[in-house]
Amino acid sequence: MSPHTVIRRERWTLAPDREPDAEPFTFAMECAVCGERSVTGEEVTDAQDWSLRHAGRHPSHCSYRELITRPWRAWMENGPRGPRG
């Protein structure tokens, strides 16, 4: 008797996690000139306000990156962990 491998193909789906226990979206802004960053938080306006204050203190720093963390969830289409499973 020889060992063998059984491979079963499954179709996976990936989507933003909107479950009640999902981690929150978080936002931060980063100055593209000096690399300084705002505090990461759940309110995008806090990060935007930081950018405006930073630009006021450093008038030549006019370019920013928005850093968003959004939770995602993967599940097998016929599996128990889907949005309705």
Protein backbone atom coordinates (compact mmCIF):
# COMPACT_ATOMS: atom_id res chain seq x y z
CA MET A 1 0.00 0.00 0.00
CA SER A 2 1.43 3.42 -0.89
CA PRO A 3 0.50 6.84 0.50
CA HIS A 4 -1.44 9.20 -1.73
CA THR A 5 -2.74 12.74 -1.63
CA VAL A 6 -6.33 13.71 -2.19
CA ILE A 7 -6.84 17.24 -3.47
CA ARG A 8 -10.29 18.71 -3.45
CA ARG A 9 -10.83 21.94 -5.32
CA GLU A 10 -12.98 24.52 -3.61
CA ARG A 11 -14.16 27.90 -4.79
CA TRP A 12 -13.31 30.68 -2.35
CA THR A 13 -14.88 34.11 -2.05
CA LEU A 14 -13.30 37.20 -0.51
CA ALA A 15 -15.25 40.28 0.58
CA PRO A 16 -15.09 43.08 3.15
CA ASP A 17 -15.95 41.72 6.60
CA ARG A 18 -19.26 43.21 7.67
CA GLU A 19 -19.95 40.73 10.46
CA PRO A 20 -20.90 42.22 13.86
CA ASP A 21 -17.58 41.05 15.35
CA ALA A 22 -15.45 42.41 12.49
CA GLU A 23 -12.56 44.71 13.31
CA PRO A 24 -13.36 48.37 12.62
CA PHE A 25 -12.12 50.29 9.61
CA THR A 26 -9.23 52.52 10.66
CA PHE A 27 -7.72 55.57 9.02
CA ALA A 28 -4.46 57.50 9.18
CA MET A 29 -2.71 60.07 7.02
CA GLU A 30 0.97 60.12 6.16
CA CYS A 31 2.94 63.07 4.88
CA ALA A 32 4.54 62.04 1.58
CA VAL A 33 7.29 64.63 2.09
CA CYS A 34 8.63 63.73 5.55
CA GLY A 35 6.87 60.45 6.37
CA GLU A 36 5.27 61.70 9.58
CA ARG A 37 1.92 60.05 10.32
CA SER A 38 -1.25 60.87 12.15
CA VAL A 39 -2.57 58.64 14.88
CA THR A 40 -4.60 55.71 13.51
CA GLY A 41 -8.26 55.84 14.47
CA GLU A 42 -11.79 55.00 13.44
CA GLU A 43 -12.71 58.55 12.34
CA VAL A 44 -11.35 59.64 8.95
CA THR A 45 -11.90 63.29 9.87
CA ASP A 46 -9.35 63.04 12.69
CA ALA A 47 -6.69 61.93 10.18
CA GLN A 48 -7.72 64.65 7.74
CA ASP A 49 -7.56 67.30 10.47
CA TRP A 50 -4.03 66.14 11.30
CA SER A 51 -3.04 66.65 7.64
CA LEU A 52 -4.32 70.22 7.67
CA ARG A 53 -2.49 71.01 10.92
CA HIS A 54 0.70 69.43 9.55
CA ALA A 55 0.42 71.45 6.33
CA GLY A 56 -0.07 74.60 8.42
CA ARG A 57 3.14 73.92 10.34
CA HIS A 58 5.03 72.85 7.19
CA PRO A 59 3.68 74.82 4.19
CA SER A 60 5.88 72.94 1.70
CA HIS A 61 4.36 69.59 2.78
CA CYS A 62 1.39 69.39 0.42
CA SER A 63 1.24 65.68 -0.46
CA TYR A 64 -0.37 63.04 1.77
CA ARG A 65 -1.30 59.37 1.70
CA GLU A 66 -4.46 58.03 3.23
CA LEU A 67 -3.81 54.73 5.04
CA ILE A 68 -6.94 52.63 5.41
CA THR A 69 -7.22 49.31 7.21
CA ARG A 70 -10.35 47.44 6.17
CA PRO A 71 -11.05 43.91 7.45
CA TRP A 72 -11.79 41.23 4.88
CA ARG A 73 -13.23 37.74 5.21
CA ALA A 74 -12.65 34.65 3.05
CA TRP A 75 -14.95 31.64 2.86
CA MET A 76 -15.67 28.62 0.73
CA GLU A 77 -18.74 29.26 -1.39
CA ASN A 78 -20.46 26.12 -0.12
CA GLY A 79 -18.87 26.33 3.33
CA PRO A 80 -20.31 27.26 6.72
CA ARG A 81 -18.47 30.60 7.13
CA GLY A 82 -20.06 32.62 4.36
CA PRO A 83 -22.10 35.74 5.04
CA ARG A 84 -25.28 33.69 5.42
CA GLY A 85 -23.60 30.49 6.63
